[in-house]
Amino acid sequence: MSLNAKLQMLNTKLENTKKIYKIEGMDCDSCATLLELDLEDAGIKNCRCSYPKKTLEIYEDHDEIKVVEIISKSGYSISNE
């Protein structure tokens, strides 16, 4: 299998497992970074939080209840986009 085919397969898999949440209450980029670190501490390594977009993207299977608990404990609101 060629490298391009493998990359395409990987991108398809990531798109199929990507979940996007709306995050309310962040004040700056540091808030987004801290949320990423909190999620990483909880075992969710493949995520990206964006302050300008007010979103959290998770690129792996994860426990949604755990994510909601972590975000809520940090003082933010979370909802499905």
C-alpha atoms as a PDB file:
ATOM      1  CA  MET A   1       0.000   0.000   0.000  1.00  0.00           C
ATOM      2  CA  SER A   2       1.393   3.396  -0.956  1.00  0.00           C
ATOM      3  CA  LEU A   3       2.086   6.133   1.559  1.00  0.00           C
ATOM      4  CA  ASN A   4      -0.643   8.319   0.041  1.00  0.00           C
ATOM      5  CA  ALA A   5      -3.183   5.521   0.376  1.00  0.00           C
ATOM      6  CA  LYS A   6      -2.210   5.007   4.026  1.00  0.00           C
ATOM      7  CA  LEU A   7      -2.499   8.735   4.750  1.00  0.00           C
ATOM      8  CA  GLN A   8      -5.891   8.881   3.066  1.00  0.00           C
ATOM      9  CA  MET A   9      -7.083   5.915   5.140  1.00  0.00           C
ATOM     10  CA  LEU A  10      -5.837   7.592   8.325  1.00  0.00           C
ATOM     11  CA  ASN A  11      -7.548  10.893   7.443  1.00  0.00           C
ATOM     12  CA  THR A  12     -10.805   9.053   6.764  1.00  0.00           C
ATOM     13  CA  LYS A  13     -10.566   7.291  10.114  1.00  0.00           C
ATOM     14  CA  LEU A  14      -9.910  10.592  11.922  1.00  0.00           C
ATOM     15  CA  GLU A  15     -12.884  12.247  10.210  1.00  0.00           C
ATOM     16  CA  ASN A  16     -15.117   9.340  11.213  1.00  0.00           C
ATOM     17  CA  THR A  17     -14.111   9.578  14.882  1.00  0.00           C
ATOM     18  CA  LYS A  18     -13.925  13.394  15.116  1.00  0.00           C
ATOM     19  CA  LYS A  19     -16.416  14.948  17.489  1.00  0.00           C
ATOM     20  CA  ILE A  20     -16.888  18.718  17.765  1.00  0.00           C
ATOM     21  CA  TYR A  21     -18.237  20.433  20.865  1.00  0.00           C
ATOM     22  CA  LYS A  22     -19.148  24.077  21.426  1.00  0.00           C
ATOM     23  CA  ILE A  23     -17.426  25.614  24.479  1.00  0.00           C
ATOM     24  CA  GLU A  24     -18.724  28.774  26.122  1.00  0.00           C
ATOM     25  CA  GLY A  25     -16.981  30.881  28.746  1.00  0.00           C
ATOM     26  CA  MET A  26     -13.368  30.904  27.547  1.00  0.00           C
ATOM     27  CA  ASP A  27     -11.669  34.308  27.862  1.00  0.00           C
ATOM     28  CA  CYS A  28      -8.424  33.717  25.967  1.00  0.00           C
ATOM     29  CA  ASP A  29      -6.142  31.207  24.234  1.00  0.00           C
ATOM     30  CA  SER A  30      -4.746  30.133  27.606  1.00  0.00           C
ATOM     31  CA  CYS A  31      -8.202  28.866  28.609  1.00  0.00           C
ATOM     32  CA  ALA A  32      -8.217  26.610  25.541  1.00  0.00           C
ATOM     33  CA  THR A  33      -4.705  25.359  26.299  1.00  0.00           C
ATOM     34  CA  LEU A  34      -5.615  24.549  29.893  1.00  0.00           C
ATOM     35  CA  LEU A  35      -8.669  22.586  28.740  1.00  0.00           C
ATOM     36  CA  GLU A  36      -6.473  20.566  26.364  1.00  0.00           C
ATOM     37  CA  LEU A  37      -4.087  19.813  29.229  1.00  0.00           C
ATOM     38  CA  ASP A  38      -6.948  18.773  31.531  1.00  0.00           C
ATOM     39  CA  LEU A  39      -8.262  16.407  28.854  1.00  0.00           C
ATOM     40  CA  GLU A  40      -4.781  14.997  28.231  1.00  0.00           C
ATOM     41  CA  ASP A  41      -4.412  14.347  31.976  1.00  0.00           C
ATOM     42  CA  ALA A  42      -7.654  12.364  31.762  1.00  0.00           C
ATOM     43  CA  GLY A  43      -6.293  10.243  28.897  1.00  0.00           C
ATOM     44  CA  ILE A  44      -7.793  12.108  25.934  1.00  0.00           C
ATOM     45  CA  LYS A  45      -4.664  12.860  23.943  1.00  0.00           C
ATOM     46  CA  ASN A  46      -5.966  13.697  20.461  1.00  0.00           C
ATOM     47  CA  CYS A  47      -7.898  16.905  20.975  1.00  0.00           C
ATOM     48  CA  ARG A  48      -7.764  20.544  19.989  1.00  0.00           C
ATOM     49  CA  CYS A  49      -9.527  23.401  21.719  1.00  0.00           C
ATOM     50  CA  SER A  50      -9.918  26.703  19.852  1.00  0.00           C
ATOM     51  CA  TYR A  51     -10.649  29.959  21.668  1.00  0.00           C
ATOM     52  CA  PRO A  52     -11.506  31.960  18.503  1.00  0.00           C
ATOM     53  CA  LYS A  53     -13.877  29.262  17.230  1.00  0.00           C
ATOM     54  CA  LYS A  54     -15.143  28.379  20.739  1.00  0.00           C
ATOM     55  CA  THR A  55     -14.836  24.694  19.871  1.00  0.00           C
ATOM     56  CA  LEU A  56     -13.316  21.509  21.171  1.00  0.00           C
ATOM     57  CA  GLU A  57     -12.453  18.843  18.594  1.00  0.00           C
ATOM     58  CA  ILE A  58     -11.658  15.327  19.780  1.00  0.00           C
ATOM     59  CA  TYR A  59     -10.128  12.918  17.260  1.00  0.00           C
ATOM     60  CA  GLU A  60     -10.483   9.618  19.109  1.00  0.00           C
ATOM     61  CA  ASP A  61     -13.111   7.484  20.750  1.00  0.00           C
ATOM     62  CA  HIS A  62     -13.869   8.968  24.151  1.00  0.00           C
ATOM     63  CA  ASP A  63     -16.307   8.977  27.036  1.00  0.00           C
ATOM     64  CA  GLU A  64     -18.576  11.980  26.413  1.00  0.00           C
ATOM     65  CA  ILE A  65     -19.701  12.055  30.041  1.00  0.00           C
ATOM     66  CA  LYS A  66     -16.079  12.305  31.159  1.00  0.00           C
ATOM     67  CA  VAL A  67     -15.490  15.194  28.730  1.00  0.00           C
ATOM     68  CA  VAL A  68     -18.560  17.063  29.989  1.00  0.00           C
ATOM     69  CA  GLU A  69     -17.450  16.587  33.600  1.00  0.00           C
ATOM     70  CA  ILE A  70     -13.929  17.881  32.887  1.00  0.00           C
ATOM     71  CA  ILE A  71     -15.146  20.942  30.973  1.00  0.00           C
ATOM     72  CA  SER A  72     -17.840  21.744  33.537  1.00  0.00           C
ATOM     73  CA  LYS A  73     -15.420  21.402  36.481  1.00  0.00           C
ATOM     74  CA  SER A  74     -13.176  23.914  34.733  1.00  0.00           C
ATOM     75  CA  GLY A  75     -16.049  26.415  34.729  1.00  0.00           C
ATOM     76  CA  TYR A  76     -17.116  26.279  31.079  1.00  0.00           C
ATOM     77  CA  SER A  77     -20.294  25.270  29.294  1.00  0.00           C
ATOM     78  CA  ILE A  78     -20.202  22.499  26.698  1.00  0.00           C
ATOM     79  CA  SER A  79     -22.731  21.413  24.086  1.00  0.00           C
ATOM     80  CA  ASN A  80     -22.790  19.423  20.869  1.00  0.00           C
ATOM     81  CA  GLU A  81     -22.135  21.537  17.819  1.00  0.00           C
END
